[in-house]
Amino acid sequence: MHVDDGQQLVGKDVRDSSGDRLGVVSVIHVDVDSDEVLLLQVIADTDLEAVVPATTARLDSETGDVTLPYSAEQVQHGPVLQSGTNMSVGEVAAVFDYYRAGAVDLRGMSLTERVTGLGDVSAISRHVRPLPPIVVTRPSIAPTGDDFPDVEVDS
């Protein structure tokens, strides 16, 4: 999902893969370098908020709802984050891994690295949380021999 202004997502209804309402977007997590929205926090009736990849979500142009390609059960049992928390690189990687939405390139990065200052991105709104500059790769349909050079892949 690409949006020009990620803040427009805050307050939007979030729906699961069946179209049932899960909650609303409470916070967006953006890459501090590119301003790309990578993660959404979805709040329902608890203090803990589900964290889901924005990269796999779809924004309905008519209703403005955000639809996730995940079941309600998968989101309810997925990673959560307490409100007001900035995520570390390792936490971001765990979210992408849980949802099988891609992989975070962790080479040479500290798993605990966070953006804690009030830079340009976080100064925009309390609903925007900056993420360290990270690279998220999309999963391929089937691995090739180039992906895993030491493993034989059946064709």
C-alpha atoms as a PDB file:
ATOM      1  CA  MET A   1       0.000   0.000   0.000  1.00  0.00           C
ATOM      2  CA  HIS A   2       1.422   3.356  -0.972  1.00  0.00           C
ATOM      3  CA  VAL A   3       0.021   6.603   0.374  1.00  0.00           C
ATOM      4  CA  ASP A   4       1.349  10.102  -0.160  1.00  0.00           C
ATOM      5  CA  ASP A   5       0.471  11.169   3.373  1.00  0.00           C
ATOM      6  CA  GLY A   6       0.597   8.318   5.885  1.00  0.00           C
ATOM      7  CA  GLN A   7      -1.157  10.411   8.505  1.00  0.00           C
ATOM      8  CA  GLN A   8      -4.369  10.088   6.486  1.00  0.00           C
ATOM      9  CA  LEU A   9      -4.488   6.453   7.669  1.00  0.00           C
ATOM     10  CA  VAL A  10      -4.830   7.356  11.354  1.00  0.00           C
ATOM     11  CA  GLY A  11      -8.413   6.788  12.478  1.00  0.00           C
ATOM     12  CA  LYS A  12      -9.321   4.675   9.440  1.00  0.00           C
ATOM     13  CA  ASP A  13     -11.215   1.437   9.982  1.00  0.00           C
ATOM     14  CA  VAL A  14      -9.132  -1.722   9.583  1.00  0.00           C
ATOM     15  CA  ARG A  15     -10.718  -4.879   8.190  1.00  0.00           C
ATOM     16  CA  ASP A  16      -9.523  -8.477   8.081  1.00  0.00           C
ATOM     17  CA  SER A  17      -9.361 -10.657   4.966  1.00  0.00           C
ATOM     18  CA  SER A  18     -13.086 -11.460   5.345  1.00  0.00           C
ATOM     19  CA  GLY A  19     -14.063  -7.788   5.484  1.00  0.00           C
ATOM     20  CA  ASP A  20     -14.876  -7.816   9.209  1.00  0.00           C
ATOM     21  CA  ARG A  21     -13.867  -4.740  11.207  1.00  0.00           C
ATOM     22  CA  LEU A  22     -10.851  -5.262  13.502  1.00  0.00           C
ATOM     23  CA  GLY A  23     -10.410  -1.742  14.844  1.00  0.00           C
ATOM     24  CA  VAL A  24      -8.832   1.530  13.735  1.00  0.00           C
ATOM     25  CA  VAL A  25      -5.351   2.653  12.808  1.00  0.00           C
ATOM     26  CA  SER A  26      -3.930   4.424  15.846  1.00  0.00           C
ATOM     27  CA  VAL A  27      -0.284   4.879  14.870  1.00  0.00           C
ATOM     28  CA  ILE A  28       1.791   4.537  11.720  1.00  0.00           C
ATOM     29  CA  HIS A  29       5.446   3.511  11.756  1.00  0.00           C
ATOM     30  CA  VAL A  30       7.500   5.077   8.980  1.00  0.00           C
ATOM     31  CA  ASP A  31      11.020   4.569   7.685  1.00  0.00           C
ATOM     32  CA  VAL A  32      12.937   7.616   8.901  1.00  0.00           C
ATOM     33  CA  ASP A  33      14.821   7.959   5.593  1.00  0.00           C
ATOM     34  CA  SER A  34      12.083   7.373   3.023  1.00  0.00           C
ATOM     35  CA  ASP A  35       8.929   8.328   4.980  1.00  0.00           C
ATOM     36  CA  GLU A  36       7.397   5.063   3.670  1.00  0.00           C
ATOM     37  CA  VAL A  37       4.701   3.660   5.962  1.00  0.00           C
ATOM     38  CA  LEU A  38       5.937   0.184   6.898  1.00  0.00           C
ATOM     39  CA  LEU A  39       3.747  -0.768   9.860  1.00  0.00           C
ATOM     40  CA  LEU A  40       0.339   0.069  11.289  1.00  0.00           C
ATOM     41  CA  GLN A  41      -0.851  -0.192  14.872  1.00  0.00           C
ATOM     42  CA  VAL A  42      -4.464  -1.271  15.128  1.00  0.00           C
ATOM     43  CA  ILE A  43      -6.373  -0.623  18.344  1.00  0.00           C
ATOM     44  CA  ALA A  44      -9.548  -2.386  19.378  1.00  0.00           C
ATOM     45  CA  ASP A  45     -10.574  -2.601  23.046  1.00  0.00           C
ATOM     46  CA  THR A  46      -7.237  -3.101  24.812  1.00  0.00           C
ATOM     47  CA  ASP A  47      -4.215  -1.047  25.813  1.00  0.00           C
ATOM     48  CA  LEU A  48      -2.035  -3.260  23.640  1.00  0.00           C
ATOM     49  CA  GLU A  49      -2.267  -2.695  19.933  1.00  0.00           C
ATOM     50  CA  ALA A  50      -1.767  -5.181  17.115  1.00  0.00           C
ATOM     51  CA  VAL A  51       1.129  -4.324  14.817  1.00  0.00           C
ATOM     52  CA  VAL A  52       0.686  -5.288  11.158  1.00  0.00           C
ATOM     53  CA  PRO A  53       2.663  -4.674   7.959  1.00  0.00           C
ATOM     54  CA  ALA A  54       1.337  -1.754   5.943  1.00  0.00           C
ATOM     55  CA  THR A  55       3.156  -3.098   2.901  1.00  0.00           C
ATOM     56  CA  THR A  56       0.575  -5.887   2.490  1.00  0.00           C
ATOM     57  CA  ALA A  57      -2.502  -3.769   3.271  1.00  0.00           C
ATOM     58  CA  ARG A  58      -4.909  -2.350   0.727  1.00  0.00           C
ATOM     59  CA  LEU A  59      -6.578   1.056   1.007  1.00  0.00           C
ATOM     60  CA  ASP A  60     -10.135   1.161  -0.332  1.00  0.00           C
ATOM     61  CA  SER A  61     -10.418   4.327  -2.416  1.00  0.00           C
ATOM     62  CA  GLU A  62     -14.190   4.586  -1.859  1.00  0.00           C
ATOM     63  CA  THR A  63     -14.547   3.902   1.872  1.00  0.00           C
ATOM     64  CA  GLY A  64     -11.022   4.759   3.032  1.00  0.00           C
ATOM     65  CA  ASP A  65     -10.903   1.470   4.970  1.00  0.00           C
ATOM     66  CA  VAL A  66      -7.638  -0.419   5.302  1.00  0.00           C
ATOM     67  CA  THR A  67      -7.992  -4.115   4.459  1.00  0.00           C
ATOM     68  CA  LEU A  68      -5.434  -6.662   5.620  1.00  0.00           C
ATOM     69  CA  PRO A  69      -4.803  -9.997   3.895  1.00  0.00           C
ATOM     70  CA  TYR A  70      -4.906 -11.720   7.305  1.00  0.00           C
ATOM     71  CA  SER A  71      -7.652 -13.350   9.348  1.00  0.00           C
ATOM     72  CA  ALA A  72      -8.933 -11.754  12.548  1.00  0.00           C
ATOM     73  CA  GLU A  73      -7.503 -14.687  14.499  1.00  0.00           C
ATOM     74  CA  GLN A  74      -4.049 -14.223  12.987  1.00  0.00           C
ATOM     75  CA  VAL A  75      -4.056 -10.520  13.888  1.00  0.00           C
ATOM     76  CA  GLN A  76      -5.431 -11.149  17.393  1.00  0.00           C
ATOM     77  CA  HIS A  77      -2.662 -13.689  18.085  1.00  0.00           C
ATOM     78  CA  GLY A  78       0.047 -11.633  16.389  1.00  0.00           C
ATOM     79  CA  PRO A  79       2.600  -9.162  17.711  1.00  0.00           C
ATOM     80  CA  VAL A  80       1.337  -6.330  19.908  1.00  0.00           C
ATOM     81  CA  LEU A  81       2.906  -3.110  21.100  1.00  0.00           C
ATOM     82  CA  GLN A  82       2.088  -0.810  23.965  1.00  0.00           C
ATOM     83  CA  SER A  83       0.938   2.637  22.865  1.00  0.00           C
ATOM     84  CA  GLY A  84       3.645   5.254  22.605  1.00  0.00           C
ATOM     85  CA  THR A  85       6.479   2.801  21.989  1.00  0.00           C
ATOM     86  CA  ASN A  86       9.078   3.196  19.255  1.00  0.00           C
ATOM     87  CA  MET A  87       9.943  -0.146  17.672  1.00  0.00           C
ATOM     88  CA  SER A  88      13.437  -1.587  17.390  1.00  0.00           C
ATOM     89  CA  VAL A  89      14.855  -3.142  14.236  1.00  0.00           C
ATOM     90  CA  GLY A  90      14.439  -6.598  15.785  1.00  0.00           C
ATOM     91  CA  GLU A  91      10.785  -5.952  16.624  1.00  0.00           C
ATOM     92  CA  VAL A  92      10.095  -4.779  13.073  1.00  0.00           C
ATOM     93  CA  ALA A  93      11.772  -7.933  11.736  1.00  0.00           C
ATOM     94  CA  ALA A  94       9.619 -10.089  14.036  1.00  0.00           C
ATOM     95  CA  VAL A  95       6.406  -8.493  12.719  1.00  0.00           C
ATOM     96  CA  PHE A  96       7.371  -9.047   9.078  1.00  0.00           C
ATOM     97  CA  ASP A  97       8.406 -12.620   9.906  1.00  0.00           C
ATOM     98  CA  TYR A  98       5.172 -13.430  11.783  1.00  0.00           C
ATOM     99  CA  TYR A  99       3.025 -12.264   8.870  1.00  0.00           C
ATOM    100  CA  ARG A 100       5.422 -13.669   6.233  1.00  0.00           C
ATOM    101  CA  ALA A 101       5.260 -10.237   4.620  1.00  0.00           C
ATOM    102  CA  GLY A 102       8.931  -9.944   3.747  1.00  0.00           C
ATOM    103  CA  ALA A 103      12.251  -9.945   5.488  1.00  0.00           C
ATOM    104  CA  VAL A 104      14.193  -7.168   7.146  1.00  0.00           C
ATOM    105  CA  ASP A 105      17.846  -7.032   6.091  1.00  0.00           C
ATOM    106  CA  LEU A 106      19.607  -7.238   9.443  1.00  0.00           C
ATOM    107  CA  ARG A 107      23.182  -7.421   8.193  1.00  0.00           C
ATOM    108  CA  GLY A 108      25.336  -5.235  10.414  1.00  0.00           C
ATOM    109  CA  MET A 109      22.381  -3.871  12.382  1.00  0.00           C
ATOM    110  CA  SER A 110      21.754  -3.968  16.109  1.00  0.00           C
ATOM    111  CA  LEU A 111      18.448  -5.693  16.878  1.00  0.00           C
ATOM    112  CA  THR A 112      17.812  -3.141  19.617  1.00  0.00           C
ATOM    113  CA  GLU A 113      18.403  -0.030  17.485  1.00  0.00           C
ATOM    114  CA  ARG A 114      15.550   2.478  17.781  1.00  0.00           C
ATOM    115  CA  VAL A 115      14.933   6.025  16.677  1.00  0.00           C
ATOM    116  CA  THR A 116      14.274   7.888  19.913  1.00  0.00           C
ATOM    117  CA  GLY A 117      14.838  11.519  19.033  1.00  0.00           C
ATOM    118  CA  LEU A 118      12.180  13.922  17.896  1.00  0.00           C
ATOM    119  CA  GLY A 119      13.359  14.236  14.331  1.00  0.00           C
ATOM    120  CA  ASP A 120      11.337  15.584  11.431  1.00  0.00           C
ATOM    121  CA  VAL A 121       9.069  12.533  11.189  1.00  0.00           C
ATOM    122  CA  SER A 122       8.054  12.202  14.826  1.00  0.00           C
ATOM    123  CA  ALA A 123       7.585  15.931  15.199  1.00  0.00           C
ATOM    124  CA  ILE A 124       4.740  15.783  12.669  1.00  0.00           C
ATOM    125  CA  SER A 125       2.255  14.011  14.928  1.00  0.00           C
ATOM    126  CA  ARG A 126       1.994  11.854  18.014  1.00  0.00           C
ATOM    127  CA  HIS A 127       0.454   9.239  15.701  1.00  0.00           C
ATOM    128  CA  VAL A 128       3.688   8.847  13.724  1.00  0.00           C
ATOM    129  CA  ARG A 129       6.578   6.749  15.050  1.00  0.00           C
ATOM    130  CA  PRO A 130       9.936   6.780  13.258  1.00  0.00           C
ATOM    131  CA  LEU A 131      11.733   3.540  12.425  1.00  0.00           C
ATOM    132  CA  PRO A 132      15.462   3.188  11.864  1.00  0.00           C
ATOM    133  CA  PRO A 133      16.415   3.045   8.188  1.00  0.00           C
ATOM    134  CA  ILE A 134      15.783  -0.580   7.230  1.00  0.00           C
ATOM    135  CA  VAL A 135      15.409  -2.589   4.055  1.00  0.00           C
ATOM    136  CA  VAL A 136      12.405  -4.889   3.708  1.00  0.00           C
ATOM    137  CA  THR A 137      12.543  -7.436   0.917  1.00  0.00           C
ATOM    138  CA  ARG A 138       9.399  -9.012  -0.464  1.00  0.00           C
ATOM    139  CA  PRO A 139       9.178 -12.808  -0.288  1.00  0.00           C
ATOM    140  CA  SER A 140       9.489 -14.650  -3.573  1.00  0.00           C
ATOM    141  CA  ILE A 141       6.921 -17.213  -4.655  1.00  0.00           C
ATOM    142  CA  ALA A 142       9.481 -20.008  -4.804  1.00  0.00           C
ATOM    143  CA  PRO A 143      13.143 -19.945  -3.853  1.00  0.00           C
ATOM    144  CA  THR A 144      15.710 -20.279  -6.585  1.00  0.00           C
ATOM    145  CA  GLY A 145      19.188 -21.709  -6.374  1.00  0.00           C
ATOM    146  CA  ASP A 146      20.470 -18.110  -6.251  1.00  0.00           C
ATOM    147  CA  ASP A 147      18.518 -17.440  -3.044  1.00  0.00           C
ATOM    148  CA  PHE A 148      20.112 -20.337  -1.174  1.00  0.00           C
ATOM    149  CA  PRO A 149      23.416 -21.238  -2.908  1.00  0.00           C
ATOM    150  CA  ASP A 150      24.162 -24.149  -0.545  1.00  0.00           C
ATOM    151  CA  VAL A 151      20.724 -25.770  -0.928  1.00  0.00           C
ATOM    152  CA  GLU A 152      19.427 -27.734  -3.893  1.00  0.00           C
ATOM    153  CA  VAL A 153      16.006 -26.527  -5.065  1.00  0.00           C
ATOM    154  CA  ASP A 154      13.742 -28.982  -6.903  1.00  0.00           C
ATOM    155  CA  SER A 155      12.203 -27.566 -10.061  1.00  0.00           C
END
